Amino acid sequence: MDNLEKANIIVEFVQRFHNDTQYDEFFAYNDLGIPLCVAITGELVTLTKKGDEILSDTWFSFCDTIGADPETDYDNLDTMLD
């Protein structure tokens, strides 16, 4: 999966579950990664090496939070949540 696909999935997750207290720890930990994903999906930024590291950390944290394999290619959020 490329960075844009990962960012799109994370942004969709945040939009759907931002009020779910079950994920408060994920949202708090990724206080830089989530806004970065929003900027990526809006084509507002070009990732630097550090930005790529933050996105990768956010992706692995996200996958750990929902119990998904971070190395698998997913079509969308729903396939990850199944």
PDB file of N, CA and C in Angstrom:
ATOM      1  N   MET A   1       0.850  -1.183   0.000  1.00  0.00           N
ATOM      2  CA  MET A   1       0.000   0.000   0.000  1.00  0.00           C
ATOM      3  C   MET A   1       0.887   1.235   0.000  1.00  0.00           C
ATOM      4  N   ASP A   2       0.442   2.226  -0.719  1.00  0.00           N
ATOM      5  CA  ASP A   2       1.227   3.459  -0.716  1.00  0.00           C
ATOM      6  C   ASP A   2       0.754   4.381   0.419  1.00  0.00           C
ATOM      7  N   ASN A   3       1.504   5.433   0.638  1.00  0.00           N
ATOM      8  CA  ASN A   3       1.216   6.341   1.743  1.00  0.00           C
ATOM      9  C   ASN A   3      -0.149   7.000   1.644  1.00  0.00           C
ATOM     10  N   LEU A   4      -0.571   7.343   0.435  1.00  0.00           N
ATOM     11  CA  LEU A   4      -1.878   7.980   0.266  1.00  0.00           C
ATOM     12  C   LEU A   4      -2.998   7.026   0.663  1.00  0.00           C
ATOM     13  N   GLU A   5      -2.889   5.765   0.296  1.00  0.00           N
ATOM     14  CA  GLU A   5      -3.916   4.780   0.670  1.00  0.00           C
ATOM     15  C   GLU A   5      -3.980   4.621   2.188  1.00  0.00           C
ATOM     16  N   LYS A   6      -2.822   4.540   2.823  1.00  0.00           N
ATOM     17  CA  LYS A   6      -2.784   4.414   4.282  1.00  0.00           C
ATOM     18  C   LYS A   6      -3.401   5.644   4.937  1.00  0.00           C
ATOM     19  N   ALA A   7      -3.029   6.817   4.457  1.00  0.00           N
ATOM     20  CA  ALA A   7      -3.564   8.058   5.023  1.00  0.00           C
ATOM     21  C   ALA A   7      -5.073   8.147   4.843  1.00  0.00           C
ATOM     22  N   ASN A   8      -5.573   7.758   3.680  1.00  0.00           N
ATOM     23  CA  ASN A   8      -7.017   7.777   3.430  1.00  0.00           C
ATOM     24  C   ASN A   8      -7.762   6.888   4.424  1.00  0.00           C
ATOM     25  N   ILE A   9      -7.238   5.703   4.671  1.00  0.00           N
ATOM     26  CA  ILE A   9      -7.883   4.779   5.601  1.00  0.00           C
ATOM     27  C   ILE A   9      -7.861   5.345   7.014  1.00  0.00           C
ATOM     28  N   ILE A  10      -6.739   5.904   7.427  1.00  0.00           N
ATOM     29  CA  ILE A  10      -6.654   6.474   8.779  1.00  0.00           C
ATOM     30  C   ILE A  10      -7.608   7.654   8.931  1.00  0.00           C
ATOM     31  N   VAL A  11      -7.686   8.516   7.934  1.00  0.00           N
ATOM     32  CA  VAL A  11      -8.598   9.661   7.996  1.00  0.00           C
ATOM     33  C   VAL A  11     -10.049   9.187   8.066  1.00  0.00           C
ATOM     34  N   GLU A  12     -10.401   8.188   7.280  1.00  0.00           N
ATOM     35  CA  GLU A  12     -11.765   7.661   7.336  1.00  0.00           C
ATOM     36  C   GLU A  12     -12.064   7.093   8.727  1.00  0.00           C
ATOM     37  N   PHE A  13     -11.106   6.377   9.302  1.00  0.00           N
ATOM     38  CA  PHE A  13     -11.275   5.832  10.647  1.00  0.00           C
ATOM     39  C   PHE A  13     -11.516   6.962  11.659  1.00  0.00           C
ATOM     40  N   VAL A  14     -10.717   7.991  11.582  1.00  0.00           N
ATOM     41  CA  VAL A  14     -10.863   9.122  12.508  1.00  0.00           C
ATOM     42  C   VAL A  14     -12.228   9.773  12.337  1.00  0.00           C
ATOM     43  N   GLN A  15     -12.660   9.958  11.108  1.00  0.00           N
ATOM     44  CA  GLN A  15     -13.962  10.575  10.860  1.00  0.00           C
ATOM     45  C   GLN A  15     -15.100   9.736  11.438  1.00  0.00           C
ATOM     46  N   ARG A  16     -14.987   8.425  11.315  1.00  0.00           N
ATOM     47  CA  ARG A  16     -16.059   7.548  11.778  1.00  0.00           C
ATOM     48  C   ARG A  16     -16.033   7.296  13.281  1.00  0.00           C
ATOM     49  N   PHE A  17     -14.861   7.309  13.902  1.00  0.00           N
ATOM     50  CA  PHE A  17     -14.761   6.867  15.291  1.00  0.00           C
ATOM     51  C   PHE A  17     -14.190   7.914  16.248  1.00  0.00           C
ATOM     52  N   HIS A  18     -14.126   9.179  15.832  1.00  0.00           N
ATOM     53  CA  HIS A  18     -13.497  10.199  16.674  1.00  0.00           C
ATOM     54  C   HIS A  18     -14.177  10.386  18.027  1.00  0.00           C
ATOM     55  N   ASN A  19     -15.434  10.042  18.143  1.00  0.00           N
ATOM     56  CA  ASN A  19     -16.146  10.180  19.416  1.00  0.00           C
ATOM     57  C   ASN A  19     -16.175   8.897  20.236  1.00  0.00           C
ATOM     58  N   ASP A  20     -15.574   7.845  19.735  1.00  0.00           N
ATOM     59  CA  ASP A  20     -15.573   6.556  20.416  1.00  0.00           C
ATOM     60  C   ASP A  20     -14.422   6.522  21.419  1.00  0.00           C
ATOM     61  N   THR A  21     -14.750   6.548  22.694  1.00  0.00           N
ATOM     62  CA  THR A  21     -13.723   6.598  23.739  1.00  0.00           C
ATOM     63  C   THR A  21     -12.826   5.363  23.745  1.00  0.00           C
ATOM     64  N   GLN A  22     -13.260   4.311  23.105  1.00  0.00           N
ATOM     65  CA  GLN A  22     -12.446   3.098  22.999  1.00  0.00           C
ATOM     66  C   GLN A  22     -11.105   3.389  22.320  1.00  0.00           C
ATOM     67  N   TYR A  23     -11.068   4.413  21.471  1.00  0.00           N
ATOM     68  CA  TYR A  23      -9.868   4.722  20.698  1.00  0.00           C
ATOM     69  C   TYR A  23      -9.147   5.980  21.183  1.00  0.00           C
ATOM     70  N   ASP A  24      -9.474   6.470  22.360  1.00  0.00           N
ATOM     71  CA  ASP A  24      -8.848   7.685  22.883  1.00  0.00           C
ATOM     72  C   ASP A  24      -7.325   7.589  22.933  1.00  0.00           C
ATOM     73  N   GLU A  25      -6.803   6.444  23.323  1.00  0.00           N
ATOM     74  CA  GLU A  25      -5.352   6.286  23.419  1.00  0.00           C
ATOM     75  C   GLU A  25      -4.704   6.405  22.039  1.00  0.00           C
ATOM     76  N   PHE A  26      -5.329   5.805  21.023  1.00  0.00           N
ATOM     77  CA  PHE A  26      -4.809   5.912  19.658  1.00  0.00           C
ATOM     78  C   PHE A  26      -4.792   7.366  19.209  1.00  0.00           C
ATOM     79  N   PHE A  27      -5.882   8.087  19.444  1.00  0.00           N
ATOM     80  CA  PHE A  27      -5.966   9.484  19.021  1.00  0.00           C
ATOM     81  C   PHE A  27      -4.948  10.357  19.759  1.00  0.00           C
ATOM     82  N   ALA A  28      -4.773  10.115  21.036  1.00  0.00           N
ATOM     83  CA  ALA A  28      -3.824  10.909  21.818  1.00  0.00           C
ATOM     84  C   ALA A  28      -2.386  10.639  21.384  1.00  0.00           C
ATOM     85  N   TYR A  29      -2.055   9.387  21.179  1.00  0.00           N
ATOM     86  CA  TYR A  29      -0.683   9.033  20.798  1.00  0.00           C
ATOM     87  C   TYR A  29      -0.320   9.587  19.423  1.00  0.00           C
ATOM     88  N   ASN A  30      -1.283   9.625  18.532  1.00  0.00           N
ATOM     89  CA  ASN A  30      -1.027  10.027  17.147  1.00  0.00           C
ATOM     90  C   ASN A  30      -1.442  11.464  16.868  1.00  0.00           C
ATOM     91  N   ASP A  31      -1.150  12.347  17.812  1.00  0.00           N
ATOM     92  CA  ASP A  31      -1.528  13.754  17.684  1.00  0.00           C
ATOM     93  C   ASP A  31      -0.781  14.474  16.563  1.00  0.00           C
ATOM     94  N   LEU A  32       0.299  13.897  16.066  1.00  0.00           N
ATOM     95  CA  LEU A  32       0.984  14.437  14.880  1.00  0.00           C
ATOM     96  C   LEU A  32       0.619  13.637  13.628  1.00  0.00           C
ATOM     97  N   GLY A  33       0.521  12.342  13.779  1.00  0.00           N
ATOM     98  CA  GLY A  33       0.268  11.480  12.634  1.00  0.00           C
ATOM     99  C   GLY A  33      -1.094  11.677  11.999  1.00  0.00           C
ATOM    100  N   ILE A  34      -2.106  11.888  12.821  1.00  0.00           N
ATOM    101  CA  ILE A  34      -3.457  12.063  12.266  1.00  0.00           C
ATOM    102  C   ILE A  34      -3.561  13.354  11.439  1.00  0.00           C
ATOM    103  N   PRO A  35      -3.120  14.501  11.957  1.00  0.00           N
ATOM    104  CA  PRO A  35      -3.154  15.700  11.110  1.00  0.00           C
ATOM    105  C   PRO A  35      -2.285  15.559   9.858  1.00  0.00           C
ATOM    106  N   LEU A  36      -1.179  14.837   9.981  1.00  0.00           N
ATOM    107  CA  LEU A  36      -0.344  14.587   8.802  1.00  0.00           C
ATOM    108  C   LEU A  36      -1.129  13.809   7.757  1.00  0.00           C
ATOM    109  N   CYS A  37      -1.897  12.824   8.183  1.00  0.00           N
ATOM    110  CA  CYS A  37      -2.719  12.051   7.244  1.00  0.00           C
ATOM    111  C   CYS A  37      -3.756  12.937   6.554  1.00  0.00           C
ATOM    112  N   VAL A  38      -4.343  13.846   7.309  1.00  0.00           N
ATOM    113  CA  VAL A  38      -5.306  14.792   6.719  1.00  0.00           C
ATOM    114  C   VAL A  38      -4.605  15.635   5.655  1.00  0.00           C
ATOM    115  N   ALA A  39      -3.411  16.115   5.961  1.00  0.00           N
ATOM    116  CA  ALA A  39      -2.655  16.931   4.999  1.00  0.00           C
ATOM    117  C   ALA A  39      -2.269  16.120   3.769  1.00  0.00           C
ATOM    118  N   ILE A  40      -1.929  14.861   3.957  1.00  0.00           N
ATOM    119  CA  ILE A  40      -1.581  13.993   2.822  1.00  0.00           C
ATOM    120  C   ILE A  40      -2.784  13.793   1.924  1.00  0.00           C
ATOM    121  N   THR A  41      -3.939  13.475   2.518  1.00  0.00           N
ATOM    122  CA  THR A  41      -5.128  13.216   1.700  1.00  0.00           C
ATOM    123  C   THR A  41      -5.611  14.471   0.991  1.00  0.00           C
ATOM    124  N   GLY A  42      -5.329  15.628   1.566  1.00  0.00           N
ATOM    125  CA  GLY A  42      -5.689  16.892   0.925  1.00  0.00           C
ATOM    126  C   GLY A  42      -4.637  17.383  -0.054  1.00  0.00           C
ATOM    127  N   GLU A  43      -3.607  16.560  -0.259  1.00  0.00           N
ATOM    128  CA  GLU A  43      -2.491  16.895  -1.150  1.00  0.00           C
ATOM    129  C   GLU A  43      -1.862  18.238  -0.785  1.00  0.00           C
ATOM    130  N   LEU A  44      -1.722  18.453   0.531  1.00  0.00           N
ATOM    131  CA  LEU A  44      -1.161  19.702   1.030  1.00  0.00           C
ATOM    132  C   LEU A  44       0.319  19.602   1.358  1.00  0.00           C
ATOM    133  N   VAL A  45       0.843  18.383   1.418  1.00  0.00           N
ATOM    134  CA  VAL A  45       2.236  18.187   1.812  1.00  0.00           C
ATOM    135  C   VAL A  45       2.912  17.169   0.911  1.00  0.00           C
ATOM    136  N   THR A  46       4.219  17.277   0.863  1.00  0.00           N
ATOM    137  CA  THR A  46       5.072  16.251   0.283  1.00  0.00           C
ATOM    138  C   THR A  46       5.879  15.690   1.435  1.00  0.00           C
ATOM    139  N   LEU A  47       5.830  14.386   1.611  1.00  0.00           N
ATOM    140  CA  LEU A  47       6.490  13.792   2.764  1.00  0.00           C
ATOM    141  C   LEU A  47       8.005  13.853   2.676  1.00  0.00           C
ATOM    142  N   THR A  48       8.587  14.232   3.786  1.00  0.00           N
ATOM    143  CA  THR A  48      10.028  14.132   3.965  1.00  0.00           C
ATOM    144  C   THR A  48      10.298  12.771   4.615  1.00  0.00           C
ATOM    145  N   LYS A  49      11.559  12.484   4.849  1.00  0.00           N
ATOM    146  CA  LYS A  49      11.910  11.235   5.515  1.00  0.00           C
ATOM    147  C   LYS A  49      11.247  11.160   6.893  1.00  0.00           C
ATOM    148  N   LYS A  50      11.282  12.251   7.638  1.00  0.00           N
ATOM    149  CA  LYS A  50      10.674  12.289   8.970  1.00  0.00           C
ATOM    150  C   LYS A  50       9.155  12.129   8.883  1.00  0.00           C
ATOM    151  N   GLY A  51       8.533  12.768   7.914  1.00  0.00           N
ATOM    152  CA  GLY A  51       7.096  12.622   7.718  1.00  0.00           C
ATOM    153  C   GLY A  51       6.716  11.191   7.391  1.00  0.00           C
ATOM    154  N   ASP A  52       7.531  10.543   6.581  1.00  0.00           N
ATOM    155  CA  ASP A  52       7.298   9.138   6.246  1.00  0.00           C
ATOM    156  C   ASP A  52       7.399   8.267   7.498  1.00  0.00           C
ATOM    157  N   GLU A  53       8.339   8.580   8.372  1.00  0.00           N
ATOM    158  CA  GLU A  53       8.485   7.831   9.623  1.00  0.00           C
ATOM    159  C   GLU A  53       7.260   8.019  10.522  1.00  0.00           C
ATOM    160  N   ILE A  54       6.758   9.248  10.587  1.00  0.00           N
ATOM    161  CA  ILE A  54       5.566   9.523  11.407  1.00  0.00           C
ATOM    162  C   ILE A  54       4.361   8.784  10.838  1.00  0.00           C
ATOM    163  N   LEU A  55       4.200   8.806   9.529  1.00  0.00           N
ATOM    164  CA  LEU A  55       3.082   8.093   8.915  1.00  0.00           C
ATOM    165  C   LEU A  55       3.201   6.597   9.175  1.00  0.00           C
ATOM    166  N   SER A  56       4.386   6.058   9.034  1.00  0.00           N
ATOM    167  CA  SER A  56       4.597   4.629   9.273  1.00  0.00           C
ATOM    168  C   SER A  56       4.262   4.272  10.718  1.00  0.00           C
ATOM    169  N   ASP A  57       4.706   5.079  11.659  1.00  0.00           N
ATOM    170  CA  ASP A  57       4.403   4.841  13.070  1.00  0.00           C
ATOM    171  C   ASP A  57       2.899   4.908  13.315  1.00  0.00           C
ATOM    172  N   THR A  58       2.241   5.863  12.700  1.00  0.00           N
ATOM    173  CA  THR A  58       0.789   6.006  12.845  1.00  0.00           C
ATOM    174  C   THR A  58       0.077   4.803  12.256  1.00  0.00           C
ATOM    175  N   TRP A  59       0.536   4.331  11.096  1.00  0.00           N
ATOM    176  CA  TRP A  59      -0.060   3.165  10.449  1.00  0.00           C
ATOM    177  C   TRP A  59       0.064   1.923  11.341  1.00  0.00           C
ATOM    178  N   PHE A  60       1.263   1.692  11.879  1.00  0.00           N
ATOM    179  CA  PHE A  60       1.461   0.524  12.732  1.00  0.00           C
ATOM    180  C   PHE A  60       0.641   0.641  14.011  1.00  0.00           C
ATOM    181  N   SER A  61       0.556   1.829  14.583  1.00  0.00           N
ATOM    182  CA  SER A  61      -0.271   2.058  15.764  1.00  0.00           C
ATOM    183  C   SER A  61      -1.740   1.813  15.444  1.00  0.00           C
ATOM    184  N   PHE A  62      -2.192   2.307  14.317  1.00  0.00           N
ATOM    185  CA  PHE A  62      -3.575   2.116  13.888  1.00  0.00           C
ATOM    186  C   PHE A  62      -3.886   0.633  13.717  1.00  0.00           C
ATOM    187  N   CYS A  63      -3.030  -0.074  12.999  1.00  0.00           N
ATOM    188  CA  CYS A  63      -3.254  -1.509  12.773  1.00  0.00           C
ATOM    189  C   CYS A  63      -3.264  -2.277  14.086  1.00  0.00           C
ATOM    190  N   ASP A  64      -2.377  -1.934  14.997  1.00  0.00           N
ATOM    191  CA  ASP A  64      -2.347  -2.574  16.307  1.00  0.00           C
ATOM    192  C   ASP A  64      -3.646  -2.295  17.060  1.00  0.00           C
ATOM    193  N   THR A  65      -4.138  -1.081  16.959  1.00  0.00           N
ATOM    194  CA  THR A  65      -5.364  -0.686  17.663  1.00  0.00           C
ATOM    195  C   THR A  65      -6.565  -1.488  17.203  1.00  0.00           C
ATOM    196  N   ILE A  66      -6.660  -1.746  15.902  1.00  0.00           N
ATOM    197  CA  ILE A  66      -7.842  -2.466  15.391  1.00  0.00           C
ATOM    198  C   ILE A  66      -7.570  -3.947  15.157  1.00  0.00           C
ATOM    199  N   GLY A  67      -6.359  -4.403  15.437  1.00  0.00           N
ATOM    200  CA  GLY A  67      -6.029  -5.822  15.277  1.00  0.00           C
ATOM    201  C   GLY A  67      -5.855  -6.258  13.834  1.00  0.00           C
ATOM    202  N   ALA A  68      -5.269  -5.392  13.014  1.00  0.00           N
ATOM    203  CA  ALA A  68      -5.046  -5.695  11.596  1.00  0.00           C
ATOM    204  C   ALA A  68      -3.554  -5.880  11.334  1.00  0.00           C
ATOM    205  N   ASP A  69      -3.240  -6.637  10.304  1.00  0.00           N
ATOM    206  CA  ASP A  69      -1.848  -6.861   9.908  1.00  0.00           C
ATOM    207  C   ASP A  69      -1.360  -5.644   9.120  1.00  0.00           C
ATOM    208  N   PRO A  70      -0.351  -4.946   9.608  1.00  0.00           N
ATOM    209  CA  PRO A  70       0.121  -3.739   8.915  1.00  0.00           C
ATOM    210  C   PRO A  70       0.820  -4.029   7.586  1.00  0.00           C
ATOM    211  N   GLU A  71       1.161  -5.258   7.338  1.00  0.00           N
ATOM    212  CA  GLU A  71       1.864  -5.624   6.100  1.00  0.00           C
ATOM    213  C   GLU A  71       0.919  -6.045   4.979  1.00  0.00           C
ATOM    214  N   THR A  72      -0.362  -6.156   5.277  1.00  0.00           N
ATOM    215  CA  THR A  72      -1.357  -6.568   4.285  1.00  0.00           C
ATOM    216  C   THR A  72      -1.857  -5.360   3.504  1.00  0.00           C
ATOM    217  N   ASP A  73      -2.120  -5.554   2.224  1.00  0.00           N
ATOM    218  CA  ASP A  73      -2.732  -4.501   1.405  1.00  0.00           C
ATOM    219  C   ASP A  73      -4.245  -4.562   1.583  1.00  0.00           C
ATOM    220  N   TYR A  74      -4.830  -3.454   1.961  1.00  0.00           N
ATOM    221  CA  TYR A  74      -6.277  -3.365   2.182  1.00  0.00           C
ATOM    222  C   TYR A  74      -6.892  -2.430   1.152  1.00  0.00           C
ATOM    223  N   ASP A  75      -8.122  -2.759   0.756  1.00  0.00           N
ATOM    224  CA  ASP A  75      -8.837  -1.917  -0.195  1.00  0.00           C
ATOM    225  C   ASP A  75      -9.428  -0.684   0.468  1.00  0.00           C
ATOM    226  N   ASN A  76      -9.889  -0.854   1.720  1.00  0.00           N
ATOM    227  CA  ASN A  76     -10.543   0.242   2.422  1.00  0.00           C
ATOM    228  C   ASN A  76     -10.660  -0.091   3.903  1.00  0.00           C
ATOM    229  N   LEU A  77     -11.201   0.830   4.661  1.00  0.00           N
ATOM    230  CA  LEU A  77     -11.342   0.636   6.101  1.00  0.00           C
ATOM    231  C   LEU A  77     -12.241  -0.546   6.423  1.00  0.00           C
ATOM    232  N   ASP A  78     -13.337  -0.698   5.710  1.00  0.00           N
ATOM    233  CA  ASP A  78     -14.273  -1.779   6.017  1.00  0.00           C
ATOM    234  C   ASP A  78     -13.624  -3.151   5.909  1.00  0.00           C
ATOM    235  N   THR A  79     -12.752  -3.344   4.929  1.00  0.00           N
ATOM    236  CA  THR A  79     -12.077  -4.637   4.799  1.00  0.00           C
ATOM    237  C   THR A  79     -11.113  -4.860   5.972  1.00  0.00           C
ATOM    238  N   MET A  80     -10.582  -3.793   6.527  1.00  0.00           N
ATOM    239  CA  MET A  80      -9.695  -3.931   7.679  1.00  0.00           C
ATOM    240  C   MET A  80     -10.477  -4.276   8.947  1.00  0.00           C
ATOM    241  N   LEU A  81     -11.679  -3.773   9.052  1.00  0.00           N
ATOM    242  CA  LEU A  81     -12.490  -3.978  10.255  1.00  0.00           C
ATOM    243  C   LEU A  81     -13.227  -5.306  10.252  1.00  0.00           C
ATOM    244  N   ASP A  82     -13.296  -5.967   9.110  1.00  0.00           N
ATOM    245  CA  ASP A  82     -13.994  -7.270   9.035  1.00  0.00           C
ATOM    246  C   ASP A  82     -13.256  -8.350   9.773  1.00  0.00           C
TER     247      ASP A  82
END
